[in-house]
Amino acid sequence: KIDVQGPDAARFLDRVYANTMSTLAVGRVRYGLMLREDGFVMDDGTAARLAPDRFLVTTTTANAVNVYQHMHFCHQVLWPDLDVQFVSVTDQWAQFAVAGPRSRELLQRVLRADCDISNAAFPYMACGDVRLDDGEAARLFRISFSGELAYEIAVPTRRGDALVRKLFAAGADLGVTAYGLEALNVMRIEKGHCTGNELNGQTTAFDLGLGRMVAANKDCIGGVLSRRAALADPARPRLVGL
């Protein structure tokens, strides 16, 4: 997790991501794709806009350090004129995925009563600050890797163990269980979502079915070279959901 702040934070992310982040509204999350300079996919993740000049970016676990280094290189070497700062906050937050048809019901049991997470108040790809029932501050993101109703809830690291125990206790009668990686991978394959297996340095946005995410109305790292004829060849293998 990388906290990105400053007057030029949105402009900076527009250049780092293949898709546009500056149009993202405060309180909303957008899936993002980063390309290498040669046009191949480098990483994917989400950007949550916490304020007009502040974003929280997530990366894949395997590429977290590479993305952080890449962002520093872009700022220090390519665009030193941009007024933006960023810092890794991975160690500062414990974040859990809460997924499944009764995930909202479970969260309502551990959040304060005045936290409205109904579909109308907290729609898909929303984010915001919430309070646990004991008053502890937390962040909630309505995002889903598996395609079902799902959230990610984050608390300061020192509260991580207490939160996961609270979730299991509150959801005992709902059949709460650990979210296994094997189950997660099966469900994301059904949805056609890419993960580390596909981000192997040899795939393009087109290969992953995400070609439309490379915005044509702005410049970004890898944008020009991603449009080489060979990389947009319809005969290239493409990721599909089965």
Protein backbone atom coordinates (compact mmCIF):
# COMPACT_ATOMS: atom_id res chain seq x y z
CA LYS A 1 0.00 0.00 0.00
CA ILE A 2 1.41 3.36 -1.05
CA ASP A 3 0.04 6.68 0.20
CA VAL A 4 0.32 9.28 -2.58
CA GLN A 5 -0.25 12.94 -1.67
CA GLY A 6 0.24 16.40 -3.11
CA PRO A 7 -1.30 18.94 -5.50
CA ASP A 8 -0.01 16.93 -8.48
CA ALA A 9 -0.88 13.46 -7.13
CA ALA A 10 -3.61 12.91 -9.73
CA ARG A 11 -1.40 14.07 -12.63
CA PHE A 12 1.39 11.81 -11.42
CA LEU A 13 -0.86 8.74 -11.27
CA ASP A 14 -2.27 9.53 -14.74
CA ARG A 15 1.26 9.20 -16.09
CA VAL A 16 2.16 6.07 -14.10
CA TYR A 17 -1.09 4.20 -14.82
CA ALA A 18 -2.27 3.27 -18.32
CA ASN A 19 -5.80 4.36 -17.44
CA THR A 20 -6.94 7.73 -16.08
CA MET A 21 -7.00 8.37 -12.33
CA SER A 22 -7.50 12.15 -12.25
CA THR A 23 -11.22 11.79 -13.00
CA LEU A 24 -11.77 9.53 -9.98
CA ALA A 25 -14.16 11.06 -7.43
CA VAL A 26 -13.25 11.33 -3.76
CA GLY A 27 -14.57 8.27 -1.93
CA ARG A 28 -14.22 5.99 -4.94
CA VAL A 29 -11.79 3.26 -6.00
CA ARG A 30 -10.56 2.44 -9.51
CA TYR A 31 -8.74 -0.62 -10.83
CA GLY A 32 -5.47 0.38 -12.45
CA LEU A 33 -2.87 -1.07 -14.80
CA MET A 34 0.80 -0.09 -14.91
CA LEU A 35 2.94 -0.72 -17.99
CA ARG A 36 6.69 -1.02 -18.35
CA GLU A 37 8.48 1.32 -20.75
CA ASP A 38 8.30 -1.39 -23.46
CA GLY A 39 4.51 -1.58 -23.28
CA PHE A 40 4.19 -4.87 -21.40
CA VAL A 41 2.16 -5.02 -18.19
CA MET A 42 4.19 -4.34 -15.06
CA ASP A 43 1.56 -4.53 -12.34
CA ASP A 44 -2.08 -4.04 -11.49
CA GLY A 45 -3.91 -2.88 -8.38
CA THR A 46 -6.32 -0.25 -7.15
CA ALA A 47 -6.21 3.47 -6.43
CA ALA A 48 -8.59 4.86 -3.81
CA ARG A 49 -9.10 8.62 -3.74
CA LEU A 50 -9.25 9.63 -0.08
CA ALA A 51 -9.15 13.40 -0.76
CA PRO A 52 -8.64 15.70 -3.78
CA ASP A 53 -4.88 15.54 -3.23
CA ARG A 54 -4.54 12.08 -1.68
CA PHE A 55 -4.70 8.52 -3.02
CA LEU A 56 -4.04 5.10 -1.51
CA VAL A 57 -2.52 2.76 -4.09
CA THR A 58 -2.36 -1.02 -3.77
CA THR A 59 -0.09 -3.34 -5.74
CA THR A 60 0.38 -7.06 -6.16
CA THR A 61 2.41 -8.51 -3.30
CA ALA A 62 5.23 -9.76 -5.54
CA ASN A 63 5.71 -6.38 -7.24
CA ALA A 64 5.22 -4.06 -4.27
CA VAL A 65 8.89 -3.07 -4.00
CA ASN A 66 9.32 -2.78 -7.78
CA VAL A 67 6.31 -0.48 -8.09
CA TYR A 68 7.50 1.69 -5.21
CA GLN A 69 10.97 1.99 -6.78
CA HIS A 70 9.40 2.69 -10.18
CA MET A 71 7.32 5.53 -8.75
CA HIS A 72 10.40 7.07 -7.12
CA PHE A 73 12.32 6.84 -10.41
CA CYS A 74 9.48 8.48 -12.32
CA HIS A 75 9.27 11.33 -9.83
CA GLN A 76 12.97 11.96 -9.31
CA VAL A 77 14.17 11.44 -12.91
CA LEU A 78 11.26 11.92 -15.31
CA TRP A 79 8.97 14.48 -13.64
CA PRO A 80 10.81 16.24 -10.78
CA ASP A 81 8.62 19.30 -11.39
CA LEU A 82 5.50 17.53 -10.06
CA ASP A 83 4.57 18.40 -6.48
CA VAL A 84 3.84 14.91 -5.15
CA GLN A 85 5.10 12.74 -2.29
CA PHE A 86 4.52 9.08 -1.51
CA VAL A 87 5.41 6.61 1.19
CA SER A 88 4.87 2.90 1.72
CA VAL A 89 2.27 2.36 4.46
CA THR A 90 2.00 -1.43 4.12
CA ASP A 91 3.30 -1.99 7.64
CA GLN A 92 0.94 0.60 9.11
CA TRP A 93 -2.31 -1.17 8.15
CA ALA A 94 -3.75 -4.64 8.69
CA GLN A 95 -6.26 -5.27 5.92
CA PHE A 96 -8.69 -8.17 5.57
CA ALA A 97 -10.94 -9.28 2.71
CA VAL A 98 -14.50 -10.02 3.81
CA ALA A 99 -16.29 -11.75 0.94
CA GLY A 100 -19.44 -13.70 0.24
CA PRO A 101 -23.21 -13.18 0.05
CA ARG A 102 -23.42 -12.33 3.78
CA SER A 103 -20.31 -10.14 3.96
CA ARG A 104 -22.30 -6.93 4.43
CA GLU A 105 -24.31 -8.53 7.23
CA LEU A 106 -21.10 -9.52 9.02
CA LEU A 107 -19.53 -6.08 8.68
CA GLN A 108 -22.64 -4.39 10.02
CA ARG A 109 -22.18 -6.41 13.21
CA VAL A 110 -18.65 -5.09 13.84
CA LEU A 111 -19.16 -1.50 12.68
CA ARG A 112 -20.80 1.29 14.63
CA ALA A 113 -24.55 1.52 14.10
CA ASP A 114 -24.32 4.89 12.33
CA CYS A 115 -22.02 3.49 9.60
CA ASP A 116 -24.30 3.07 6.58
CA ILE A 117 -22.83 0.47 4.22
CA SER A 118 -26.04 -0.24 2.34
CA ASN A 119 -25.80 -0.66 -1.41
CA ALA A 120 -27.13 2.87 -1.93
CA ALA A 121 -24.80 4.55 0.55
CA PHE A 122 -21.70 2.44 -0.11
CA PRO A 123 -21.84 1.11 -3.71
CA TYR A 124 -19.37 -1.07 -5.57
CA MET A 125 -15.88 0.52 -5.71
CA ALA A 126 -16.61 2.92 -2.85
CA CYS A 127 -14.15 3.69 -0.06
CA GLY A 128 -14.21 5.70 3.13
CA ASP A 129 -13.48 6.04 6.82
CA VAL A 130 -15.65 4.02 9.21
CA ARG A 131 -15.71 3.22 12.93
CA LEU A 132 -15.74 -0.16 14.61
CA ASP A 133 -18.36 -0.73 17.29
CA ASP A 134 -15.76 0.09 19.94
CA GLY A 135 -15.02 3.46 18.31
CA GLU A 136 -11.74 2.45 16.66
CA ALA A 137 -11.10 4.15 13.31
CA ALA A 138 -10.96 1.95 10.22
CA ARG A 139 -11.09 2.20 6.42
CA LEU A 140 -13.51 0.27 4.27
CA PHE A 141 -13.20 -0.50 0.55
CA ARG A 142 -15.91 -2.23 -1.45
CA ILE A 143 -13.78 -4.15 -3.90
CA SER A 144 -13.88 -7.78 -4.99
CA PHE A 145 -11.16 -9.97 -6.45
CA SER A 146 -13.49 -12.96 -6.84
CA GLY A 147 -16.48 -11.16 -8.33
CA GLU A 148 -18.88 -11.67 -5.41
CA LEU A 149 -20.11 -9.18 -2.81
CA ALA A 150 -16.90 -8.31 -0.98
CA TYR A 151 -15.10 -5.68 1.02
CA GLU A 152 -11.65 -5.01 2.40
CA ILE A 153 -11.47 -3.50 5.88
CA ALA A 154 -8.27 -1.94 7.20
CA VAL A 155 -7.27 -0.98 10.74
CA PRO A 156 -3.99 0.18 12.29
CA THR A 157 -1.64 -2.81 12.47
CA ARG A 158 -1.82 -3.07 16.25
CA ARG A 159 -5.55 -3.78 15.90
CA GLY A 160 -5.26 -6.43 13.22
CA ASP A 161 -5.34 -9.50 15.46
CA ALA A 162 -8.26 -8.14 17.47
CA LEU A 163 -10.25 -7.35 14.32
CA VAL A 164 -9.92 -10.76 12.73
CA ARG A 165 -10.94 -12.42 16.02
CA LYS A 166 -13.91 -10.04 16.22
CA LEU A 167 -14.96 -10.95 12.66
CA PHE A 168 -14.85 -14.68 13.38
CA ALA A 169 -16.76 -14.30 16.64
CA ALA A 170 -19.43 -12.06 15.10
CA GLY A 171 -19.89 -14.34 12.10
CA ALA A 172 -20.01 -17.69 13.86
CA ASP A 173 -23.72 -18.18 13.10
CA LEU A 174 -23.19 -17.03 9.50
CA GLY A 175 -20.75 -19.84 8.78
CA VAL A 176 -17.74 -17.52 8.55
CA THR A 177 -14.58 -19.31 7.44
CA ALA A 178 -11.09 -18.49 6.23
CA TYR A 179 -10.83 -17.32 2.62
CA GLY A 180 -8.57 -19.95 1.04
CA LEU A 181 -6.17 -19.02 -1.73
CA GLU A 182 -7.24 -22.03 -3.80
CA ALA A 183 -10.88 -20.93 -3.65
CA LEU A 184 -9.88 -17.37 -4.44
CA ASN A 185 -7.92 -18.47 -7.52
CA VAL A 186 -10.74 -20.67 -8.82
CA MET A 187 -13.22 -17.81 -8.53
CA ARG A 188 -10.95 -15.22 -10.10
CA ILE A 189 -10.28 -17.60 -13.04
CA GLU A 190 -14.04 -17.89 -13.58
CA LYS A 191 -14.23 -14.09 -13.70
CA GLY A 192 -11.21 -13.78 -16.00
CA HIS A 193 -9.32 -11.64 -13.48
CA CYS A 194 -5.56 -11.59 -13.90
CA THR A 195 -3.12 -12.20 -11.06
CA GLY A 196 0.59 -12.78 -10.56
CA ASN A 197 0.52 -15.86 -12.80
CA GLU A 198 -0.41 -13.71 -15.79
CA LEU A 199 1.75 -10.70 -14.89
CA ASN A 200 4.92 -12.51 -15.93
CA GLY A 201 6.52 -9.76 -18.00
CA GLN A 202 5.37 -11.29 -21.30
CA THR A 203 1.74 -10.14 -21.39
CA THR A 204 0.18 -6.94 -22.65
CA ALA A 205 -3.03 -5.21 -21.62
CA PHE A 206 -4.55 -6.63 -24.82
CA ASP A 207 -3.51 -10.17 -23.83
CA LEU A 208 -5.31 -9.77 -20.51
CA GLY A 209 -8.50 -8.46 -22.10
CA LEU A 210 -7.73 -4.99 -20.73
CA GLY A 211 -6.71 -3.23 -23.92
CA ARG A 212 -9.37 -0.56 -23.52
CA MET A 213 -7.75 0.53 -20.24
CA VAL A 214 -4.78 2.03 -22.10
CA ALA A 215 -6.11 5.56 -22.53
CA ALA A 216 -5.54 7.05 -25.97
CA ASN A 217 -6.16 10.65 -24.86
CA LYS A 218 -3.18 10.93 -22.52
CA ASP A 219 0.46 9.94 -22.29
CA CYS A 220 1.66 7.32 -19.83
CA ILE A 221 4.63 5.07 -19.22
CA GLY A 222 4.61 2.42 -21.96
CA GLY A 223 1.59 3.84 -23.75
CA VAL A 224 3.20 4.42 -27.14
CA LEU A 225 5.09 1.12 -27.34
CA SER A 226 2.01 -0.82 -26.19
CA ARG A 227 0.42 0.06 -29.52
CA ARG A 228 3.06 -1.66 -31.63
CA ALA A 229 1.43 -3.83 -34.30
CA ALA A 230 2.79 -7.10 -32.92
CA LEU A 231 1.45 -6.34 -29.44
CA ALA A 232 -2.06 -5.67 -30.76
CA ASP A 233 -2.14 -8.66 -33.11
CA PRO A 234 -5.57 -10.36 -32.81
CA ALA A 235 -3.81 -13.73 -33.07
CA ARG A 236 -2.05 -13.25 -29.72
CA PRO A 237 -3.31 -15.58 -26.93
CA ARG A 238 -5.82 -13.83 -24.66
CA LEU A 239 -6.91 -14.44 -21.07
CA VAL A 240 -10.55 -15.51 -20.79
CA GLY A 241 -12.77 -16.60 -17.90
CA LEU A 242 -14.12 -20.16 -17.86
